[in-house]
Amino acid sequence: MIGAGSRLDNLVQIGHNVVLGRCCIIVAQAAIAGSTILEDFVQVGGQAALDGHLKIGRGARIGAQAGVMRDVPSGVEVAGSPAQPKREFFRQVATLMRLARRQE
């Protein structure tokens, strides 16, 4: 079921029994496995993948190339694989970059 006002880009894969709420945006090569529920106003970035039987809360934002394996609460932004809160993901990336510079 696809809610009113939702937009799907090209090469998006939607599994069986998936429910998209109103005004969801799913873009470029994103994939949603079966029986996942996306509440209203969810945004899914390009090449993101969502595991089956999940609940993605209202207004959640899934970053590009994220690998979502757990439920995402309403209004939360996640990134990375496995998906985690966006701020934590970018903090880890910054730490890795600092460690790489020390090795040079």
Protein backbone atom coordinates (compact mmCIF):
# COMPACT_ATOMS: atom_id res chain seq x y z
CA MET A 1 0.00 0.00 0.00
CA ILE A 2 1.38 3.41 -0.97
CA GLY A 3 0.01 6.46 0.84
CA ALA A 4 -1.28 9.60 -0.84
CA GLY A 5 1.41 12.05 -1.91
CA SER A 6 4.26 9.56 -1.65
CA ARG A 7 6.97 9.76 -4.31
CA LEU A 8 9.10 6.88 -5.61
CA ASP A 9 12.19 7.48 -7.75
CA ASN A 10 13.57 5.12 -10.37
CA LEU A 11 15.00 1.67 -9.51
CA VAL A 12 13.22 1.52 -6.13
CA GLN A 13 12.35 -1.97 -4.90
CA ILE A 14 9.33 -2.42 -2.63
CA GLY A 15 8.79 -5.87 -1.08
CA HIS A 16 5.52 -7.68 -0.33
CA ASN A 17 3.17 -6.30 2.37
CA VAL A 18 5.12 -3.03 2.66
CA VAL A 19 3.04 -0.08 3.83
CA LEU A 20 4.13 3.46 2.93
CA GLY A 21 2.42 6.29 4.78
CA ARG A 22 1.43 9.63 3.33
CA CYS A 23 4.03 11.87 1.67
CA CYS A 24 6.98 9.46 1.90
CA ILE A 25 9.95 9.98 -0.41
CA ILE A 26 12.00 6.98 -1.59
CA VAL A 27 14.83 7.70 -4.05
CA ALA A 28 17.36 6.06 -6.39
CA GLN A 29 18.01 2.36 -5.91
CA ALA A 30 16.55 2.14 -2.41
CA ALA A 31 15.14 -1.24 -1.36
CA ILE A 32 12.54 -2.07 1.27
CA ALA A 33 12.10 -5.71 2.28
CA GLY A 34 8.72 -7.30 2.95
CA SER A 35 6.29 -6.38 5.72
CA THR A 36 8.07 -3.15 6.65
CA ILE A 37 5.93 -0.17 7.68
CA LEU A 38 6.97 3.40 6.93
CA GLU A 39 4.81 5.93 8.71
CA ASP A 40 3.94 9.35 7.23
CA PHE A 41 6.65 11.74 5.94
CA VAL A 42 9.56 9.26 5.95
CA GLN A 43 12.51 10.04 3.64
CA VAL A 44 14.79 7.27 2.32
CA GLY A 45 18.06 8.24 0.59
CA GLY A 46 19.60 6.62 -2.46
CA GLN A 47 20.89 3.04 -2.27
CA ALA A 48 19.56 2.61 1.27
CA ALA A 49 18.29 -0.82 2.25
CA LEU A 50 15.68 -1.63 4.89
CA ASP A 51 15.36 -5.11 6.34
CA GLY A 52 11.96 -6.80 6.60
CA HIS A 53 9.38 -6.55 9.38
CA LEU A 54 10.57 -3.11 10.59
CA LYS A 55 8.67 -0.02 11.68
CA ILE A 56 10.06 3.33 10.57
CA GLY A 57 8.50 6.16 12.58
CA ARG A 58 6.83 9.31 11.34
CA GLY A 59 9.26 11.83 9.85
CA ALA A 60 12.32 9.57 10.13
CA ARG A 61 15.14 10.18 7.66
CA ILE A 62 17.29 7.34 6.30
CA GLY A 63 20.62 8.48 4.83
CA ALA A 64 22.03 7.35 1.49
CA GLN A 65 23.57 3.86 1.51
CA ALA A 66 22.29 3.18 5.03
CA GLY A 67 21.66 -0.40 6.06
CA VAL A 68 18.63 -0.37 8.37
CA MET A 69 18.27 -3.55 10.44
CA ARG A 70 16.26 -2.23 13.41
CA ASP A 71 13.17 -0.09 13.93
CA VAL A 72 13.74 3.67 13.61
CA PRO A 73 11.79 5.91 16.01
CA SER A 74 9.82 8.93 14.81
CA GLY A 75 11.87 11.96 13.77
CA VAL A 76 15.25 10.22 14.01
CA GLU A 77 17.91 10.59 11.29
CA VAL A 78 20.11 7.54 10.67
CA ALA A 79 23.13 6.89 8.46
CA GLY A 80 25.73 4.19 7.86
CA SER A 81 25.65 0.44 7.78
CA PRO A 82 24.49 -0.76 10.16
CA ALA A 83 22.32 2.32 10.49
CA GLN A 84 22.82 4.42 13.61
CA PRO A 85 21.92 7.97 14.64
CA LYS A 86 23.44 10.36 12.11
CA ARG A 87 25.50 12.32 14.63
CA GLU A 88 27.16 9.15 15.99
CA PHE A 89 27.92 7.91 12.47
CA PHE A 90 29.68 11.12 11.44
CA ARG A 91 31.56 11.27 14.75
CA GLN A 92 32.94 7.79 13.99
CA VAL A 93 33.93 8.83 10.47
CA ALA A 94 35.76 11.89 11.82
CA THR A 95 37.60 9.74 14.38
CA LEU A 96 38.72 7.30 11.70
CA MET A 97 40.00 10.16 9.55
CA ARG A 98 42.01 11.57 12.47
CA LEU A 99 43.51 8.15 13.17
CA ALA A 100 44.44 7.72 9.50
CA ARG A 101 46.25 11.09 9.48
CA ARG A 102 48.29 10.07 12.54
CA GLN A 103 49.53 7.01 10.67
CA GLU A 104 51.05 9.08 7.87
